[in-house]
Structures are given as structure tokens and as C-alpha cells.
PDB file of N, CA and C in Angstrom:
ATOM      1  N   MET A   1       0.850  -1.180   0.000  1.00  0.00           N
ATOM      2  CA  MET A   1       0.000   0.000   0.000  1.00  0.00           C
ATOM      3  C   MET A   1       0.898   1.247   0.000  1.00  0.00           C
ATOM      4  N   THR A   2       0.604   2.183  -0.875  1.00  0.00           N
ATOM      5  CA  THR A   2       1.348   3.439  -0.879  1.00  0.00           C
ATOM      6  C   THR A   2       0.763   4.383   0.176  1.00  0.00           C
ATOM      7  N   PHE A   3       1.487   5.435   0.464  1.00  0.00           N
ATOM      8  CA  PHE A   3       0.953   6.431   1.391  1.00  0.00           C
ATOM      9  C   PHE A   3      -0.321   7.070   0.838  1.00  0.00           C
ATOM     10  N   ASN A   4      -0.352   7.333  -0.462  1.00  0.00           N
ATOM     11  CA  ASN A   4      -1.559   7.936  -1.040  1.00  0.00           C
ATOM     12  C   ASN A   4      -2.749   6.986  -0.970  1.00  0.00           C
ATOM     13  N   GLU A   5      -2.519   5.692  -1.173  1.00  0.00           N
ATOM     14  CA  GLU A   5      -3.604   4.719  -1.030  1.00  0.00           C
ATOM     15  C   GLU A   5      -4.108   4.697   0.407  1.00  0.00           C
ATOM     16  N   TYR A   6      -3.175   4.729   1.356  1.00  0.00           N
ATOM     17  CA  TYR A   6      -3.567   4.781   2.766  1.00  0.00           C
ATOM     18  C   TYR A   6      -4.375   6.043   3.038  1.00  0.00           C
ATOM     19  N   GLN A   7      -3.886   7.169   2.540  1.00  0.00           N
ATOM     20  CA  GLN A   7      -4.565   8.450   2.753  1.00  0.00           C
ATOM     21  C   GLN A   7      -6.001   8.392   2.251  1.00  0.00           C
ATOM     22  N   LYS A   8      -6.184   7.826   1.074  1.00  0.00           N
ATOM     23  CA  LYS A   8      -7.517   7.730   0.476  1.00  0.00           C
ATOM     24  C   LYS A   8      -8.439   6.830   1.306  1.00  0.00           C
ATOM     25  N   GLU A   9      -7.928   5.687   1.741  1.00  0.00           N
ATOM     26  CA  GLU A   9      -8.729   4.770   2.556  1.00  0.00           C
ATOM     27  C   GLU A   9      -9.025   5.358   3.933  1.00  0.00           C
ATOM     28  N   ALA A  10      -8.025   5.975   4.534  1.00  0.00           N
ATOM     29  CA  ALA A  10      -8.212   6.566   5.865  1.00  0.00           C
ATOM     30  C   ALA A  10      -9.232   7.699   5.817  1.00  0.00           C
ATOM     31  N   GLN A  11      -9.257   8.435   4.724  1.00  0.00           N
ATOM     32  CA  GLN A  11     -10.204   9.553   4.585  1.00  0.00           C
ATOM     33  C   GLN A  11     -11.647   9.075   4.663  1.00  0.00           C
ATOM     34  N   LYS A  12     -11.889   7.851   4.243  1.00  0.00           N
ATOM     35  CA  LYS A  12     -13.244   7.298   4.285  1.00  0.00           C
ATOM     36  C   LYS A  12     -13.761   7.147   5.713  1.00  0.00           C
ATOM     37  N   THR A  13     -12.866   7.127   6.692  1.00  0.00           N
ATOM     38  CA  THR A  13     -13.265   6.969   8.092  1.00  0.00           C
ATOM     39  C   THR A  13     -13.169   8.282   8.870  1.00  0.00           C
ATOM     40  N   ALA A  14     -12.879   9.367   8.176  1.00  0.00           N
ATOM     41  CA  ALA A  14     -12.674  10.662   8.831  1.00  0.00           C
ATOM     42  C   ALA A  14     -14.014  11.353   9.069  1.00  0.00           C
ATOM     43  N   ILE A  15     -14.474  11.272  10.301  1.00  0.00           N
ATOM     44  CA  ILE A  15     -15.723  11.922  10.681  1.00  0.00           C
ATOM     45  C   ILE A  15     -15.425  12.792  11.888  1.00  0.00           C
ATOM     46  N   TYR A  16     -15.330  14.080  11.658  1.00  0.00           N
ATOM     47  CA  TYR A  16     -15.038  15.010  12.748  1.00  0.00           C
ATOM     48  C   TYR A  16     -15.508  16.404  12.363  1.00  0.00           C
ATOM     49  N   PRO A  17     -15.715  17.246  13.357  1.00  0.00           N
ATOM     50  CA  PRO A  17     -16.265  18.572  13.083  1.00  0.00           C
ATOM     51  C   PRO A  17     -15.198  19.572  12.623  1.00  0.00           C
ATOM     52  N   ALA A  18     -15.647  20.539  11.870  1.00  0.00           N
ATOM     53  CA  ALA A  18     -14.795  21.705  11.610  1.00  0.00           C
ATOM     54  C   ALA A  18     -14.798  22.517  12.899  1.00  0.00           C
ATOM     55  N   ILE A  19     -13.633  22.966  13.313  1.00  0.00           N
ATOM     56  CA  ILE A  19     -13.508  23.749  14.534  1.00  0.00           C
ATOM     57  C   ILE A  19     -13.061  25.149  14.132  1.00  0.00           C
ATOM     58  N   MET A  20     -13.834  26.131  14.532  1.00  0.00           N
ATOM     59  CA  MET A  20     -13.541  27.523  14.190  1.00  0.00           C
ATOM     60  C   MET A  20     -13.367  27.682  12.681  1.00  0.00           C
ATOM     61  N   GLY A  21     -14.171  26.930  11.907  1.00  0.00           N
ATOM     62  CA  GLY A  21     -14.140  27.035  10.458  1.00  0.00           C
ATOM     63  C   GLY A  21     -13.017  26.262   9.789  1.00  0.00           C
ATOM     64  N   ASN A  22     -12.217  25.545  10.570  1.00  0.00           N
ATOM     65  CA  ASN A  22     -11.093  24.798  10.009  1.00  0.00           C
ATOM     66  C   ASN A  22     -11.309  23.307  10.170  1.00  0.00           C
ATOM     67  N   ASN A  23     -11.038  22.554   9.124  1.00  0.00           N
ATOM     68  CA  ASN A  23     -11.127  21.108   9.221  1.00  0.00           C
ATOM     69  C   ASN A  23      -9.821  20.483   9.693  1.00  0.00           C
ATOM     70  N   PHE A  24      -8.745  21.246   9.753  1.00  0.00           N
ATOM     71  CA  PHE A  24      -7.462  20.673  10.145  1.00  0.00           C
ATOM     72  C   PHE A  24      -7.210  20.714  11.644  1.00  0.00           C
ATOM     73  N   LEU A  25      -7.915  21.557  12.378  1.00  0.00           N
ATOM     74  CA  LEU A  25      -7.628  21.702  13.805  1.00  0.00           C
ATOM     75  C   LEU A  25      -7.925  20.417  14.578  1.00  0.00           C
ATOM     76  N   TYR A  26      -9.037  19.771  14.307  1.00  0.00           N
ATOM     77  CA  TYR A  26      -9.379  18.533  15.012  1.00  0.00           C
ATOM     78  C   TYR A  26      -8.297  17.460  14.827  1.00  0.00           C
ATOM     79  N   PRO A  27      -7.854  17.155  13.590  1.00  0.00           N
ATOM     80  CA  PRO A  27      -6.809  16.138  13.472  1.00  0.00           C
ATOM     81  C   PRO A  27      -5.461  16.573  14.053  1.00  0.00           C
ATOM     82  N   VAL A  28      -5.173  17.863  14.056  1.00  0.00           N
ATOM     83  CA  VAL A  28      -3.929  18.327  14.694  1.00  0.00           C
ATOM     84  C   VAL A  28      -3.974  18.027  16.196  1.00  0.00           C
ATOM     85  N   LEU A  29      -5.098  18.333  16.820  1.00  0.00           N
ATOM     86  CA  LEU A  29      -5.242  18.051  18.252  1.00  0.00           C
ATOM     87  C   LEU A  29      -5.244  16.544  18.516  1.00  0.00           C
ATOM     88  N   GLY A  30      -5.884  15.783  17.634  1.00  0.00           N
ATOM     89  CA  GLY A  30      -5.883  14.333  17.776  1.00  0.00           C
ATOM     90  C   GLY A  30      -4.482  13.755  17.671  1.00  0.00           C
ATOM     91  N   LEU A  31      -3.678  14.289  16.761  1.00  0.00           N
ATOM     92  CA  LEU A  31      -2.295  13.830  16.614  1.00  0.00           C
ATOM     93  C   LEU A  31      -1.523  14.039  17.910  1.00  0.00           C
ATOM     94  N   CYS A  32      -1.708  15.189  18.519  1.00  0.00           N
ATOM     95  CA  CYS A  32      -1.018  15.462  19.791  1.00  0.00           C
ATOM     96  C   CYS A  32      -1.386  14.415  20.839  1.00  0.00           C
ATOM     97  N   GLY A  33      -2.657  14.086  20.926  1.00  0.00           N
ATOM     98  CA  GLY A  33      -3.105  13.089  21.887  1.00  0.00           C
ATOM     99  C   GLY A  33      -2.538  11.716  21.600  1.00  0.00           C
ATOM    100  N   GLU A  34      -2.523  11.322  20.338  1.00  0.00           N
ATOM    101  CA  GLU A  34      -2.027   9.994  19.979  1.00  0.00           C
ATOM    102  C   GLU A  34      -0.524   9.871  20.188  1.00  0.00           C
ATOM    103  N   VAL A  35       0.213  10.919  19.896  1.00  0.00           N
ATOM    104  CA  VAL A  35       1.657  10.892  20.158  1.00  0.00           C
ATOM    105  C   VAL A  35       1.897  10.715  21.653  1.00  0.00           C
ATOM    106  N   GLY A  36       1.075  11.374  22.460  1.00  0.00           N
ATOM    107  CA  GLY A  36       1.165  11.189  23.906  1.00  0.00           C
ATOM    108  C   GLY A  36       0.885   9.750  24.310  1.00  0.00           C
ATOM    109  N   GLU A  37      -0.067   9.105  23.633  1.00  0.00           N
ATOM    110  CA  GLU A  37      -0.375   7.710  23.944  1.00  0.00           C
ATOM    111  C   GLU A  37       0.787   6.784  23.575  1.00  0.00           C
ATOM    112  N   VAL A  38       1.479   7.070  22.479  1.00  0.00           N
ATOM    113  CA  VAL A  38       2.666   6.286  22.127  1.00  0.00           C
ATOM    114  C   VAL A  38       3.714   6.444  23.232  1.00  0.00           C
ATOM    115  N   ALA A  39       3.959   7.673  23.643  1.00  0.00           N
ATOM    116  CA  ALA A  39       4.938   7.922  24.704  1.00  0.00           C
ATOM    117  C   ALA A  39       4.531   7.227  25.999  1.00  0.00           C
ATOM    118  N   GLU A  40       3.245   7.250  26.301  1.00  0.00           N
ATOM    119  CA  GLU A  40       2.725   6.604  27.508  1.00  0.00           C
ATOM    120  C   GLU A  40       2.975   5.095  27.489  1.00  0.00           C
ATOM    121  N   LYS A  41       2.800   4.465  26.331  1.00  0.00           N
ATOM    122  CA  LYS A  41       3.058   3.027  26.216  1.00  0.00           C
ATOM    123  C   LYS A  41       4.517   2.716  26.547  1.00  0.00           C
ATOM    124  N   PHE A  42       5.426   3.534  26.026  1.00  0.00           N
ATOM    125  CA  PHE A  42       6.844   3.314  26.300  1.00  0.00           C
ATOM    126  C   PHE A  42       7.188   3.629  27.757  1.00  0.00           C
ATOM    127  N   LYS A  43       6.572   4.657  28.316  1.00  0.00           N
ATOM    128  CA  LYS A  43       6.797   4.978  29.725  1.00  0.00           C
ATOM    129  C   LYS A  43       6.407   3.801  30.605  1.00  0.00           C
ATOM    130  N   LYS A  44       5.221   3.244  30.342  1.00  0.00           N
ATOM    131  CA  LYS A  44       4.750   2.110  31.139  1.00  0.00           C
ATOM    132  C   LYS A  44       5.584   0.858  30.878  1.00  0.00           C
ATOM    133  N   LEU A  45       6.117   0.727  29.672  1.00  0.00           N
ATOM    134  CA  LEU A  45       7.015  -0.377  29.370  1.00  0.00           C
ATOM    135  C   LEU A  45       8.246  -0.305  30.274  1.00  0.00           C
ATOM    136  N   LEU A  46       8.777   0.897  30.438  1.00  0.00           N
ATOM    137  CA  LEU A  46       9.934   1.087  31.313  1.00  0.00           C
ATOM    138  C   LEU A  46       9.567   0.887  32.778  1.00  0.00           C
ATOM    139  N   ARG A  47       8.460   1.488  33.180  1.00  0.00           N
ATOM    140  CA  ARG A  47       8.058   1.450  34.586  1.00  0.00           C
ATOM    141  C   ARG A  47       7.619   0.060  35.037  1.00  0.00           C
ATOM    142  N   ASP A  48       6.788  -0.591  34.234  1.00  0.00           N
ATOM    143  CA  ASP A  48       6.143  -1.820  34.674  1.00  0.00           C
ATOM    144  C   ASP A  48       6.767  -3.107  34.139  1.00  0.00           C
ATOM    145  N   HIS A  49       7.597  -2.999  33.110  1.00  0.00           N
ATOM    146  CA  HIS A  49       8.113  -4.211  32.462  1.00  0.00           C
ATOM    147  C   HIS A  49       9.626  -4.179  32.268  1.00  0.00           C
ATOM    148  N   GLY A  50      10.299  -3.285  33.002  1.00  0.00           N
ATOM    149  CA  GLY A  50      11.754  -3.235  32.922  1.00  0.00           C
ATOM    150  C   GLY A  50      12.290  -2.940  31.539  1.00  0.00           C
ATOM    151  N   GLY A  51      11.469  -2.312  30.701  1.00  0.00           N
ATOM    152  CA  GLY A  51      11.909  -1.967  29.351  1.00  0.00           C
ATOM    153  C   GLY A  51      11.905  -3.140  28.383  1.00  0.00           C
ATOM    154  N   ILE A  52      11.344  -4.253  28.802  1.00  0.00           N
ATOM    155  CA  ILE A  52      11.325  -5.439  27.933  1.00  0.00           C
ATOM    156  C   ILE A  52      10.089  -5.386  27.036  1.00  0.00           C
ATOM    157  N   LEU A  53      10.346  -5.372  25.749  1.00  0.00           N
ATOM    158  CA  LEU A  53       9.288  -5.266  24.752  1.00  0.00           C
ATOM    159  C   LEU A  53       8.889  -6.663  24.282  1.00  0.00           C
ATOM    160  N   ASP A  54       7.751  -7.150  24.775  1.00  0.00           N
ATOM    161  CA  ASP A  54       7.265  -8.449  24.316  1.00  0.00           C
ATOM    162  C   ASP A  54       6.277  -8.241  23.162  1.00  0.00           C
ATOM    163  N   GLU A  55       5.797  -9.329  22.585  1.00  0.00           N
ATOM    164  CA  GLU A  55       4.920  -9.236  21.419  1.00  0.00           C
ATOM    165  C   GLU A  55       3.617  -8.515  21.746  1.00  0.00           C
ATOM    166  N   ASN A  56       3.065  -8.715  22.936  1.00  0.00           N
ATOM    167  CA  ASN A  56       1.836  -8.043  23.345  1.00  0.00           C
ATOM    168  C   ASN A  56       2.028  -6.524  23.390  1.00  0.00           C
ATOM    169  N   LYS A  57       3.111  -6.090  24.009  1.00  0.00           N
ATOM    170  CA  LYS A  57       3.388  -4.651  24.097  1.00  0.00           C
ATOM    171  C   LYS A  57       3.660  -4.070  22.709  1.00  0.00           C
ATOM    172  N   LYS A  58       4.347  -4.832  21.881  1.00  0.00           N
ATOM    173  CA  LYS A  58       4.626  -4.382  20.515  1.00  0.00           C
ATOM    174  C   LYS A  58       3.325  -4.150  19.751  1.00  0.00           C
ATOM    175  N   GLN A  59       2.351  -5.037  19.922  1.00  0.00           N
ATOM    176  CA  GLN A  59       1.065  -4.884  19.245  1.00  0.00           C
ATOM    177  C   GLN A  59       0.288  -3.677  19.775  1.00  0.00           C
ATOM    178  N   GLU A  60       0.381  -3.417  21.080  1.00  0.00           N
ATOM    179  CA  GLU A  60      -0.269  -2.233  21.650  1.00  0.00           C
ATOM    180  C   GLU A  60       0.330  -0.962  21.057  1.00  0.00           C
ATOM    181  N   ILE A  61       1.645  -0.927  20.931  1.00  0.00           N
ATOM    182  CA  ILE A  61       2.333   0.238  20.356  1.00  0.00           C
ATOM    183  C   ILE A  61       1.989   0.368  18.880  1.00  0.00           C
ATOM    184  N   LYS A  62       1.894  -0.749  18.200  1.00  0.00           N
ATOM    185  CA  LYS A  62       1.521  -0.745  16.770  1.00  0.00           C
ATOM    186  C   LYS A  62       0.167  -0.069  16.570  1.00  0.00           C
ATOM    187  N   LYS A  63      -0.792  -0.359  17.443  1.00  0.00           N
ATOM    188  CA  LYS A  63      -2.111   0.277  17.348  1.00  0.00           C
ATOM    189  C   LYS A  63      -2.001   1.786  17.487  1.00  0.00           C
ATOM    190  N   GLU A  64      -1.222   2.228  18.449  1.00  0.00           N
ATOM    191  CA  GLU A  64      -1.072   3.673  18.667  1.00  0.00           C
ATOM    192  C   GLU A  64      -0.338   4.334  17.507  1.00  0.00           C
ATOM    193  N   LEU A  65       0.683   3.673  16.971  1.00  0.00           N
ATOM    194  CA  LEU A  65       1.394   4.226  15.819  1.00  0.00           C
ATOM    195  C   LEU A  65       0.470   4.331  14.608  1.00  0.00           C
ATOM    196  N   GLY A  66      -0.432   3.365  14.463  1.00  0.00           N
ATOM    197  CA  GLY A  66      -1.429   3.436  13.391  1.00  0.00           C
ATOM    198  C   GLY A  66      -2.331   4.644  13.552  1.00  0.00           C
ATOM    199  N   ASP A  67      -2.708   4.953  14.797  1.00  0.00           N
ATOM    200  CA  ASP A  67      -3.535   6.137  15.041  1.00  0.00           C
ATOM    201  C   ASP A  67      -2.774   7.409  14.694  1.00  0.00           C
ATOM    202  N   VAL A  68      -1.471   7.444  15.016  1.00  0.00           N
ATOM    203  CA  VAL A  68      -0.640   8.594  14.643  1.00  0.00           C
ATOM    204  C   VAL A  68      -0.633   8.748  13.129  1.00  0.00           C
ATOM    205  N   LEU A  69      -0.442   7.642  12.432  1.00  0.00           N
ATOM    206  CA  LEU A  69      -0.425   7.655  10.972  1.00  0.00           C
ATOM    207  C   LEU A  69      -1.741   8.191  10.419  1.00  0.00           C
ATOM    208  N   TRP A  70      -2.862   7.748  10.998  1.00  0.00           N
ATOM    209  CA  TRP A  70      -4.179   8.190  10.551  1.00  0.00           C
ATOM    210  C   TRP A  70      -4.309   9.707  10.669  1.00  0.00           C
ATOM    211  N   TYR A  71      -3.912  10.248  11.804  1.00  0.00           N
ATOM    212  CA  TYR A  71      -4.029  11.693  11.989  1.00  0.00           C
ATOM    213  C   TYR A  71      -3.109  12.461  11.045  1.00  0.00           C
ATOM    214  N   ILE A  72      -1.918  11.957  10.798  1.00  0.00           N
ATOM    215  CA  ILE A  72      -1.025  12.624   9.836  1.00  0.00           C
ATOM    216  C   ILE A  72      -1.654  12.609   8.441  1.00  0.00           C
ATOM    217  N   ALA A  73      -2.275  11.503   8.083  1.00  0.00           N
ATOM    218  CA  ALA A  73      -2.953  11.428   6.784  1.00  0.00           C
ATOM    219  C   ALA A  73      -4.089  12.440   6.706  1.00  0.00           C
ATOM    220  N   GLN A  74      -4.857  12.591   7.786  1.00  0.00           N
ATOM    221  CA  GLN A  74      -5.976  13.532   7.777  1.00  0.00           C
ATOM    222  C   GLN A  74      -5.489  14.977   7.687  1.00  0.00           C
ATOM    223  N   ILE A  75      -4.442  15.296   8.424  1.00  0.00           N
ATOM    224  CA  ILE A  75      -3.890  16.659   8.350  1.00  0.00           C
ATOM    225  C   ILE A  75      -3.425  16.928   6.928  1.00  0.00           C
ATOM    226  N   SER A  76      -2.720  15.973   6.345  1.00  0.00           N
ATOM    227  CA  SER A  76      -2.255  16.137   4.963  1.00  0.00           C
ATOM    228  C   SER A  76      -3.430  16.387   4.029  1.00  0.00           C
ATOM    229  N   THR A  77      -4.483  15.595   4.174  1.00  0.00           N
ATOM    230  CA  THR A  77      -5.671  15.756   3.337  1.00  0.00           C
ATOM    231  C   THR A  77      -6.288  17.134   3.528  1.00  0.00           C
ATOM    232  N   GLU A  78      -6.477  17.527   4.775  1.00  0.00           N
ATOM    233  CA  GLU A  78      -7.159  18.793   5.074  1.00  0.00           C
ATOM    234  C   GLU A  78      -6.422  20.012   4.550  1.00  0.00           C
ATOM    235  N   ILE A  79      -5.096  19.927   4.449  1.00  0.00           N
ATOM    236  CA  ILE A  79      -4.360  21.095   3.944  1.00  0.00           C
ATOM    237  C   ILE A  79      -3.929  20.919   2.489  1.00  0.00           C
ATOM    238  N   GLY A  80      -4.431  19.852   1.852  1.00  0.00           N
ATOM    239  CA  GLY A  80      -4.216  19.678   0.416  1.00  0.00           C
ATOM    240  C   GLY A  80      -2.863  19.127   0.022  1.00  0.00           C
ATOM    241  N   LEU A  81      -2.289  18.272   0.869  1.00  0.00           N
ATOM    242  CA  LEU A  81      -1.014  17.654   0.540  1.00  0.00           C
ATOM    243  C   LEU A  81      -1.197  16.171   0.271  1.00  0.00           C
ATOM    244  N   SER A  82      -0.460  15.674  -0.692  1.00  0.00           N
ATOM    245  CA  SER A  82      -0.399  14.241  -0.953  1.00  0.00           C
ATOM    246  C   SER A  82       0.479  13.609   0.115  1.00  0.00           C
ATOM    247  N   PHE A  83       0.000  12.524   0.715  1.00  0.00           N
ATOM    248  CA  PHE A  83       0.766  11.839   1.756  1.00  0.00           C
ATOM    249  C   PHE A  83       2.065  11.275   1.171  1.00  0.00           C
ATOM    250  N   ASP A  84       2.023  10.793  -0.077  1.00  0.00           N
ATOM    251  CA  ASP A  84       3.250  10.350  -0.747  1.00  0.00           C
ATOM    252  C   ASP A  84       4.256  11.494  -0.825  1.00  0.00           C
ATOM    253  N   ASP A  85       3.789  12.687  -1.171  1.00  0.00           N
ATOM    254  CA  ASP A  85       4.686  13.841  -1.269  1.00  0.00           C
ATOM    255  C   ASP A  85       5.277  14.206   0.091  1.00  0.00           C
ATOM    256  N   VAL A  86       4.465  14.133   1.143  1.00  0.00           N
ATOM    257  CA  VAL A  86       4.963  14.428   2.489  1.00  0.00           C
ATOM    258  C   VAL A  86       6.085  13.458   2.846  1.00  0.00           C
ATOM    259  N   ALA A  87       5.855  12.160   2.617  1.00  0.00           N
ATOM    260  CA  ALA A  87       6.857  11.146   2.944  1.00  0.00           C
ATOM    261  C   ALA A  87       8.115  11.307   2.091  1.00  0.00           C
ATOM    262  N   SER A  88       7.945  11.517   0.800  1.00  0.00           N
ATOM    263  CA  SER A  88       9.094  11.677  -0.103  1.00  0.00           C
ATOM    264  C   SER A  88       9.912  12.905   0.251  1.00  0.00           C
ATOM    265  N   PHE A  89       9.224  14.005   0.527  1.00  0.00           N
ATOM    266  CA  PHE A  89       9.907  15.243   0.897  1.00  0.00           C
ATOM    267  C   PHE A  89      10.737  15.037   2.152  1.00  0.00           C
ATOM    268  N   ASN A  90      10.173  14.321   3.131  1.00  0.00           N
ATOM    269  CA  ASN A  90      10.884  14.082   4.374  1.00  0.00           C
ATOM    270  C   ASN A  90      12.157  13.273   4.155  1.00  0.00           C
ATOM    271  N   VAL A  91      12.078  12.219   3.340  1.00  0.00           N
ATOM    272  CA  VAL A  91      13.255  11.398   3.069  1.00  0.00           C
ATOM    273  C   VAL A  91      14.324  12.222   2.350  1.00  0.00           C
ATOM    274  N   GLU A  92      13.915  13.023   1.374  1.00  0.00           N
ATOM    275  CA  GLU A  92      14.883  13.867   0.659  1.00  0.00           C
ATOM    276  C   GLU A  92      15.526  14.882   1.604  1.00  0.00           C
ATOM    277  N   LYS A  93      14.740  15.474   2.490  1.00  0.00           N
ATOM    278  CA  LYS A  93      15.270  16.422   3.474  1.00  0.00           C
ATOM    279  C   LYS A  93      16.319  15.746   4.350  1.00  0.00           C
ATOM    280  N   LEU A  94      16.026  14.535   4.800  1.00  0.00           N
ATOM    281  CA  LEU A  94      16.954  13.812   5.668  1.00  0.00           C
ATOM    282  C   LEU A  94      18.216  13.398   4.914  1.00  0.00           C
ATOM    283  N   ARG A  95      18.059  12.974   3.668  1.00  0.00           N
ATOM    284  CA  ARG A  95      19.235  12.637   2.847  1.00  0.00           C
ATOM    285  C   ARG A  95      20.143  13.844   2.691  1.00  0.00           C
ATOM    286  N   SER A  96      19.530  14.986   2.402  1.00  0.00           N
ATOM    287  CA  SER A  96      20.308  16.217   2.232  1.00  0.00           C
ATOM    288  C   SER A  96      21.051  16.575   3.511  1.00  0.00           C
ATOM    289  N   ARG A  97      20.374  16.472   4.637  1.00  0.00           N
ATOM    290  CA  ARG A  97      21.038  16.766   5.918  1.00  0.00           C
ATOM    291  C   ARG A  97      22.204  15.819   6.158  1.00  0.00           C
ATOM    292  N   LYS A  98      21.997  14.543   5.853  1.00  0.00           N
ATOM    293  CA  LYS A  98      23.069  13.571   6.058  1.00  0.00           C
ATOM    294  C   LYS A  98      24.261  13.899   5.176  1.00  0.00           C
ATOM    295  N   GLU A  99      23.997  14.199   3.898  1.00  0.00           N
ATOM    296  CA  GLU A  99      25.073  14.533   2.962  1.00  0.00           C
ATOM    297  C   GLU A  99      25.835  15.779   3.394  1.00  0.00           C
ATOM    298  N   ARG A 100      25.157  16.722   4.036  1.00  0.00           N
ATOM    299  CA  ARG A 100      25.790  17.968   4.486  1.00  0.00           C
ATOM    300  C   ARG A 100      26.275  17.878   5.929  1.00  0.00           C
ATOM    301  N   ALA A 101      26.228  16.678   6.498  1.00  0.00           N
ATOM    302  CA  ALA A 101      26.598  16.459   7.896  1.00  0.00           C
ATOM    303  C   ALA A 101      25.801  17.375   8.821  1.00  0.00           C
ATOM    304  N   ALA A 102      24.517  17.567   8.500  1.00  0.00           N
ATOM    305  CA  ALA A 102      23.647  18.427   9.298  1.00  0.00           C
ATOM    306  C   ALA A 102      22.514  17.620   9.933  1.00  0.00           C
ATOM    307  N   ILE A 103      22.709  16.301  10.036  1.00  0.00           N
ATOM    308  CA  ILE A 103      21.654  15.458  10.581  1.00  0.00           C
ATOM    309  C   ILE A 103      21.521  15.662  12.094  1.00  0.00           C
ATOM    310  N   HIS A 104      22.582  16.081  12.737  1.00  0.00           N
ATOM    311  CA  HIS A 104      22.565  16.353  14.178  1.00  0.00           C
ATOM    312  C   HIS A 104      22.361  17.844  14.410  1.00  0.00           C
ATOM    313  N   GLY A 105      22.075  18.209  15.611  1.00  0.00           N
ATOM    314  CA  GLY A 105      21.933  19.626  15.945  1.00  0.00           C
ATOM    315  C   GLY A 105      20.580  20.178  15.556  1.00  0.00           C
ATOM    316  N   ASP A 106      20.581  21.405  15.065  1.00  0.00           N
ATOM    317  CA  ASP A 106      19.337  22.117  14.787  1.00  0.00           C
ATOM    318  C   ASP A 106      18.763  21.815  13.405  1.00  0.00           C
ATOM    319  N   GLY A 107      19.513  21.138  12.545  1.00  0.00           N
ATOM    320  CA  GLY A 107      18.974  20.827  11.214  1.00  0.00           C
ATOM    321  C   GLY A 107      18.734  22.087  10.412  1.00  0.00           C
ATOM    322  N   ASP A 108      17.665  22.089   9.617  1.00  0.00           N
ATOM    323  CA  ASP A 108      17.337  23.213   8.743  1.00  0.00           C
ATOM    324  C   ASP A 108      16.097  23.929   9.241  1.00  0.00           C
ATOM    325  N   ASN A 109      16.061  25.221   9.028  1.00  0.00           N
ATOM    326  CA  ASN A 109      14.840  26.026   9.223  1.00  0.00           C
ATOM    327  C   ASN A 109      14.198  25.870  10.599  1.00  0.00           C
ATOM    328  N   ARG A 110      14.983  25.889  11.630  1.00  0.00           N
ATOM    329  CA  ARG A 110      14.396  25.789  12.969  1.00  0.00           C
ATOM    330  C   ARG A 110      14.636  27.043  13.747  1.00  0.00           C
TER     331      ARG A 110
END
């Protein structure tokens, strides 16, 4: 499945309100929450399981990462970006930083 195929399929399940006239605000806020849930899974992995990642915990994290992916796809859709283009642009940006030895530190445009 390509990112654009995922974006198209995920859009079929996107049911949320426009907030203050914007359709992107809801998925932006949802992304923040889901990223927190990913971090929470890892925190509890450290606290309760000595940092040992078993198959059950891996599947729980996989679910949360899928939710993160869904929200990124929705944000991309709402602002008119192709998810394939977002992914490709990111890889090219990282390649360029690596080639310029700028992968560490502040990177570009920060």
C-alpha cells in the first residue's frame, strides 16, 4: 500500500467537526493526543516491564502508531497535501542533511 492509497482509505473513516471554520484543527489536536499515547506506552514499558518489549506490548504500540499515521494522513488531506509527497519530501530532506553532515543539531529552518 502506498501512502496515497492509505490516505484515500483513511479519509473514508474521517468523521469530525470543523472547529472555528477549520477542518485541520481537530486532526492536529488528535495527533497530539495519539503521540502522547505512544509515549505513555513506552513509559509504562519502562516502569512496569523493565523496558522489555514483548509481542503483546509491541502490538499495543503498533495500534497507537497506526492512530498517529491516521491523523497525519488527515492533516495532509485537510491542507491539500499528498501523503506520498509528504513522505518523499521528508526522506529527501533527511538525505540532504546527512550529505551535508547536518543530521545532528538544529537541522534546517528551525
